[in-house]
């Protein structure tokens, strides 16, 4: 499928982008490559492939976890202050935010 200049302009408008006109040919090439890859994926026969509910569903045991859920060490007051130094409003180590529910 050949991507035209008008296709690039329309996609840019839909995405609310203003690409540099000198990049139009590079964008056309990239989009044509993407379309050809999608066509290759669509050509794959998946008729006898069972859908998976999770990417690791066939490789995990029922109660297996990706990692143990262990608590992380608590930050010291100095570490907390360093992490919060850019906060616009804070008190007692907590972020202050505007009220959103009245």
Protein backbone atom coordinates (compact mmCIF):
# COMPACT_ATOMS: atom_id res chain seq x y z
CA UNK A 1 0.00 0.00 0.00
CA UNK A 2 1.49 3.32 -1.03
CA UNK A 3 1.21 6.10 1.53
CA UNK A 4 0.68 9.50 -0.13
CA UNK A 5 1.45 13.04 1.00
CA UNK A 6 -2.26 13.53 1.57
CA UNK A 7 -2.33 10.47 3.86
CA UNK A 8 0.52 11.95 5.91
CA UNK A 9 -1.28 15.31 6.15
CA UNK A 10 -4.54 13.66 7.18
CA UNK A 11 -2.84 11.49 9.82
CA UNK A 12 -0.97 14.52 11.16
CA UNK A 13 -4.22 16.46 11.39
CA UNK A 14 -6.00 13.58 13.16
CA UNK A 15 -3.11 13.25 15.62
CA UNK A 16 -2.95 17.02 16.08
CA UNK A 17 0.68 17.04 14.98
CA UNK A 18 2.63 19.38 12.74
CA UNK A 19 5.53 17.34 11.36
CA UNK A 20 8.36 19.06 9.55
CA UNK A 21 7.64 18.93 5.78
CA UNK A 22 11.19 17.69 5.18
CA UNK A 23 10.30 14.52 7.12
CA UNK A 24 7.36 13.55 4.89
CA UNK A 25 9.32 11.02 2.84
CA UNK A 26 10.78 9.40 5.98
CA UNK A 27 7.29 9.21 7.51
CA UNK A 28 5.94 7.64 4.31
CA UNK A 29 8.68 5.01 4.36
CA UNK A 30 8.11 4.22 8.04
CA UNK A 31 4.35 3.96 7.65
CA UNK A 32 4.67 1.70 4.60
CA UNK A 33 6.96 -0.59 6.62
CA UNK A 34 4.41 -0.68 9.46
CA UNK A 35 1.57 -1.51 7.07
CA UNK A 36 3.61 -4.32 5.50
CA UNK A 37 4.39 -5.76 8.96
CA UNK A 38 0.71 -5.67 9.85
CA UNK A 39 -0.11 -7.51 6.61
CA UNK A 40 2.47 -10.17 7.52
CA UNK A 41 0.87 -10.59 10.95
CA UNK A 42 -2.58 -10.87 9.42
CA UNK A 43 -1.34 -13.62 7.10
CA UNK A 44 -0.40 -15.88 10.03
CA UNK A 45 -2.83 -18.78 10.50
CA UNK A 46 -4.13 -18.63 14.08
CA UNK A 47 -7.11 -20.93 13.53
CA UNK A 48 -5.98 -23.60 16.02
CA UNK A 49 -4.34 -21.30 18.56
CA UNK A 50 -6.20 -20.98 21.84
CA UNK A 51 -6.57 -17.43 23.16
CA UNK A 52 -4.60 -16.64 26.30
CA UNK A 53 -5.94 -14.64 29.21
CA UNK A 54 -2.43 -13.71 30.30
CA UNK A 55 0.85 -13.72 28.35
CA UNK A 56 2.41 -16.09 30.87
CA UNK A 57 -0.70 -18.25 31.33
CA UNK A 58 0.90 -21.34 29.75
CA UNK A 59 4.18 -20.97 31.65
CA UNK A 60 3.04 -20.32 35.22
CA UNK A 61 1.77 -22.51 37.98
CA UNK A 62 -1.62 -21.52 39.51
CA UNK A 63 -0.16 -19.90 42.65
CA UNK A 64 3.06 -18.73 41.07
CA UNK A 65 3.91 -15.03 41.27
CA UNK A 66 6.32 -13.03 39.19
CA UNK A 67 8.05 -11.89 42.37
CA UNK A 68 7.52 -12.18 46.10
CA UNK A 69 5.46 -9.40 47.61
CA UNK A 70 7.80 -8.16 50.31
CA UNK A 71 7.68 -4.73 51.94
CA UNK A 72 10.36 -2.30 50.85
CA UNK A 73 12.53 -0.61 53.44
CA UNK A 74 11.04 2.53 54.93
CA UNK A 75 12.70 5.77 53.88
CA UNK A 76 14.39 7.81 56.55
CA UNK A 77 13.13 11.35 57.21
CA UNK A 78 16.11 12.68 55.26
CA UNK A 79 15.30 10.49 52.24
CA UNK A 80 11.63 11.51 52.45
CA UNK A 81 12.57 15.20 52.54
CA UNK A 82 14.86 14.75 49.53
CA UNK A 83 12.05 12.99 47.60
CA UNK A 84 9.54 15.69 48.51
CA UNK A 85 11.72 18.76 48.02
CA UNK A 86 9.93 19.70 44.74
CA UNK A 87 6.43 19.34 46.19
CA UNK A 88 4.56 22.66 45.92
CA UNK A 89 2.75 22.09 49.23
CA UNK A 90 3.54 19.63 52.00
CA UNK A 91 3.17 19.17 55.73
CA UNK A 92 4.45 16.48 58.09
CA UNK A 93 5.79 14.43 55.19
CA UNK A 94 2.48 14.46 53.30
CA UNK A 95 1.60 16.08 49.99
CA UNK A 96 -1.07 18.77 50.22
CA UNK A 97 -3.52 18.75 47.33
CA UNK A 98 -6.62 20.82 46.59
CA UNK A 99 -9.97 19.46 47.69
CA UNK A 100 -11.72 17.71 44.81
CA UNK A 101 -14.89 16.53 46.61
CA UNK A 102 -16.99 18.98 48.54
